Amino acid sequence: MKFGNFDIEIRLARSKDAAGIVTHWNENFKRGFSKYAGTNRPRNKIDARQLSKSLALKKKNDFVFIAIDRKAKKVIGTSNFSARDKGRTRHRGGMSWEINYRYARLGIGTALVKAILEEAKRRGFKKAQAEVAVENTASLKLAKNCGFMIEGRRKIGMLLDDGRYVDTYTFGKVLK
């Protein structure tokens, strides 16, 4: 798919993609572009090995999609879906997403999230959920563009690296 001047491939991540995913995460982390992410530390080779093993398992309820710049031959975005494999909430899963700062605001994130939502639906899931900091305007816009609805607001839902607590919105999307 074309996004601006970029030729981007969006697909299910494979075990061999782990190192590229970690490199992507670390590049955004160093630039401060992932300040709202669930983790606040750079990843290392051990993280890449663990991710590779996890991706190799090909679980129905835990999967990652990636966006790759075909010309640069690098991962420039990720989105994951994770759900319980048993219990009363096994029909719904949590999601996250992140796009490389150089590729932001081109529609790649929206395409990536829509692709993983389609895969979740294909796998039989009924609902996707996400939690987004209220000041993360880019992710708020992306969630709304992908059909998520605000279901609630969590007071002091996230602690940022600068020591501030910020509220978060909880989002949901029924997969039809």
Protein backbone atom coordinates (compact mmCIF):
# COMPACT_ATOMS: atom_id res chain seq x y z
CA MET A 1 0.00 0.00 0.00
CA LYS A 2 1.14 3.53 -0.70
CA PHE A 3 1.22 6.11 2.09
CA GLY A 4 2.73 9.35 0.85
CA ASN A 5 6.08 8.39 -0.67
CA PHE A 6 6.24 5.13 1.27
CA ASP A 7 5.41 1.60 0.10
CA ILE A 8 4.15 -0.14 3.24
CA GLU A 9 3.34 -3.80 3.81
CA ILE A 10 1.00 -4.68 6.69
CA ARG A 11 0.95 -8.29 7.85
CA LEU A 12 0.95 -10.73 10.73
CA ALA A 13 4.32 -10.70 12.51
CA ARG A 14 6.52 -13.77 12.32
CA SER A 15 9.17 -15.05 14.69
CA LYS A 16 11.95 -13.69 12.48
CA ASP A 17 10.47 -10.15 12.79
CA ALA A 18 11.25 -9.88 16.52
CA ALA A 19 14.58 -8.07 16.18
CA GLY A 20 13.05 -5.53 13.78
CA ILE A 21 10.14 -4.95 16.15
CA VAL A 22 12.52 -4.34 19.07
CA THR A 23 14.59 -1.94 16.94
CA HIS A 24 11.38 -0.06 16.05
CA TRP A 25 10.31 0.15 19.71
CA ASN A 26 13.74 1.39 20.80
CA GLU A 27 13.92 4.05 18.10
CA ASN A 28 10.60 5.51 19.23
CA PHE A 29 11.61 5.21 22.89
CA LYS A 30 14.85 7.14 22.33
CA ARG A 31 12.94 9.92 20.56
CA GLY A 32 10.37 10.17 23.38
CA PHE A 33 7.65 9.21 20.92
CA SER A 34 6.34 6.34 23.04
CA LYS A 35 5.79 8.19 26.30
CA TYR A 36 2.26 6.79 26.52
CA ALA A 37 3.29 3.18 25.86
CA GLY A 38 2.73 0.51 28.49
CA THR A 39 6.43 0.14 29.15
CA ASN A 40 8.99 2.82 29.82
CA ARG A 41 12.26 1.06 29.11
CA PRO A 42 14.21 0.19 26.00
CA ARG A 43 14.14 -3.43 24.89
CA ASN A 44 17.20 -5.65 24.55
CA LYS A 45 18.32 -8.92 22.94
CA ILE A 46 16.61 -10.94 25.67
CA ASP A 47 13.33 -9.16 24.90
CA ALA A 48 13.83 -9.92 21.20
CA ARG A 49 14.39 -13.64 21.94
CA GLN A 50 11.29 -13.78 24.15
CA LEU A 51 9.22 -12.02 21.50
CA SER A 52 10.53 -14.37 18.83
CA LYS A 53 9.50 -17.39 20.92
CA SER A 54 6.08 -15.87 21.59
CA LEU A 55 5.47 -15.16 17.91
CA ALA A 56 6.55 -18.70 17.02
CA LEU A 57 3.76 -20.12 19.20
CA LYS A 58 1.15 -18.69 16.82
CA LYS A 59 -1.49 -18.43 19.53
CA LYS A 60 -5.08 -17.74 18.52
CA ASN A 61 -5.53 -15.25 21.35
CA ASP A 62 -2.25 -13.31 21.20
CA PHE A 63 -0.91 -11.91 17.95
CA VAL A 64 0.96 -8.96 16.48
CA PHE A 65 0.67 -7.17 13.16
CA ILE A 66 3.49 -5.09 11.76
CA ALA A 67 3.92 -2.37 9.16
CA ILE A 68 7.09 -2.60 7.09
CA ASP A 69 8.63 0.05 4.88
CA ARG A 70 9.47 -2.10 1.86
CA LYS A 71 12.16 0.22 0.52
CA ALA A 72 13.95 0.70 3.86
CA LYS A 73 13.25 -2.96 4.76
CA LYS A 74 12.36 -2.15 8.35
CA VAL A 75 9.49 -2.44 10.78
CA ILE A 76 7.88 0.98 11.22
CA GLY A 77 4.74 0.07 13.17
CA THR A 78 3.21 -2.54 15.42
CA SER A 79 -0.20 -3.41 16.78
CA ASN A 80 -1.00 -6.25 19.11
CA PHE A 81 -4.12 -8.06 20.26
CA SER A 82 -4.13 -10.14 23.42
CA ALA A 83 -7.02 -12.02 25.02
CA ARG A 84 -7.50 -14.66 27.69
CA ASP A 85 -7.68 -18.19 26.40
CA LYS A 86 -10.24 -19.29 29.03
CA GLY A 87 -12.95 -17.77 31.15
CA ARG A 88 -15.85 -15.41 30.79
CA THR A 89 -13.85 -12.66 29.09
CA ARG A 90 -12.14 -14.83 26.46
CA HIS A 91 -14.28 -13.22 23.73
CA ARG A 92 -12.55 -9.83 24.07
CA GLY A 93 -8.97 -8.67 23.86
CA GLY A 94 -6.84 -5.67 24.61
CA MET A 95 -5.00 -3.79 21.89
CA SER A 96 -2.11 -1.41 21.53
CA TRP A 97 -0.39 0.27 18.59
CA GLU A 98 2.68 2.32 17.81
CA ILE A 99 4.01 3.92 14.63
CA ASN A 100 7.56 5.11 14.04
CA TYR A 101 7.70 8.86 14.57
CA ARG A 102 8.98 9.42 11.00
CA TYR A 103 5.85 7.76 9.57
CA ALA A 104 3.23 9.29 11.85
CA ARG A 105 0.08 10.99 10.55
CA LEU A 106 0.09 9.27 7.15
CA GLY A 107 -2.74 6.81 7.86
CA ILE A 108 -0.43 3.84 8.42
CA GLY A 109 -1.56 3.40 12.02
CA THR A 110 -5.21 3.40 11.01
CA ALA A 111 -4.55 0.77 8.32
CA LEU A 112 -2.53 -1.33 10.78
CA VAL A 113 -5.23 -1.24 13.46
CA LYS A 114 -7.99 -1.99 10.95
CA ALA A 115 -6.00 -5.01 9.71
CA ILE A 116 -5.56 -6.45 13.20
CA LEU A 117 -9.23 -5.82 14.01
CA GLU A 118 -10.21 -7.82 10.92
CA GLU A 119 -7.91 -10.63 12.03
CA ALA A 120 -9.40 -10.60 15.54
CA LYS A 121 -12.89 -10.83 14.04
CA ARG A 122 -11.77 -13.64 11.71
CA ARG A 123 -10.46 -15.51 14.77
CA GLY A 124 -13.86 -15.27 16.44
CA PHE A 125 -13.32 -12.44 18.91
CA LYS A 126 -16.35 -10.27 19.63
CA LYS A 127 -14.75 -7.15 21.11
CA ALA A 128 -11.51 -5.16 21.07
CA GLN A 129 -10.48 -2.82 23.87
CA ALA A 130 -7.80 -0.17 24.30
CA GLU A 131 -6.73 2.34 26.90
CA VAL A 132 -5.41 5.73 25.75
CA ALA A 133 -4.05 8.69 27.72
CA VAL A 134 -6.47 11.62 27.41
CA GLU A 135 -3.65 13.86 26.18
CA ASN A 136 -2.48 11.40 23.50
CA THR A 137 -4.37 13.15 20.71
CA ALA A 138 -2.90 11.02 17.91
CA SER A 139 -4.05 7.74 19.47
CA LEU A 140 -7.43 9.22 20.40
CA LYS A 141 -7.96 10.18 16.76
CA LEU A 142 -6.79 6.79 15.54
CA ALA A 143 -9.12 4.93 17.93
CA LYS A 144 -12.10 6.98 16.82
CA ASN A 145 -11.19 6.59 13.13
CA CYS A 146 -11.17 2.81 13.64
CA GLY A 147 -14.63 2.80 15.21
CA PHE A 148 -13.73 2.57 18.89
CA MET A 149 -16.10 4.24 21.32
CA ILE A 150 -15.15 5.75 24.67
CA GLU A 151 -16.57 3.51 27.39
CA GLY A 152 -15.14 5.28 30.40
CA ARG A 153 -12.51 7.49 31.91
CA ARG A 154 -9.96 6.20 34.39
CA LYS A 155 -8.68 8.83 36.81
CA ILE A 156 -4.89 8.80 37.18
CA GLY A 157 -4.85 5.84 34.80
CA MET A 158 -1.21 6.14 33.77
CA LEU A 159 2.04 7.28 35.35
CA LEU A 160 4.34 9.02 32.89
CA ASP A 161 8.13 9.06 33.14
CA ASP A 162 8.08 12.72 34.17
CA GLY A 163 6.20 11.73 37.35
CA ARG A 164 2.82 13.02 36.20
CA TYR A 165 -0.31 10.93 36.45
CA VAL A 166 -2.71 11.33 33.55
CA ASP A 167 -6.26 10.16 33.06
CA THR A 168 -6.98 7.55 30.41
CA TYR A 169 -9.98 6.71 28.30
CA THR A 170 -11.08 3.13 27.99
CA PHE A 171 -12.21 2.32 24.48
CA GLY A 172 -14.22 -0.56 23.11
CA LYS A 173 -15.24 -1.77 19.69
CA VAL A 174 -17.71 -4.55 19.01
CA LEU A 175 -16.42 -6.65 16.11
CA LYS A 176 -19.29 -7.28 13.69
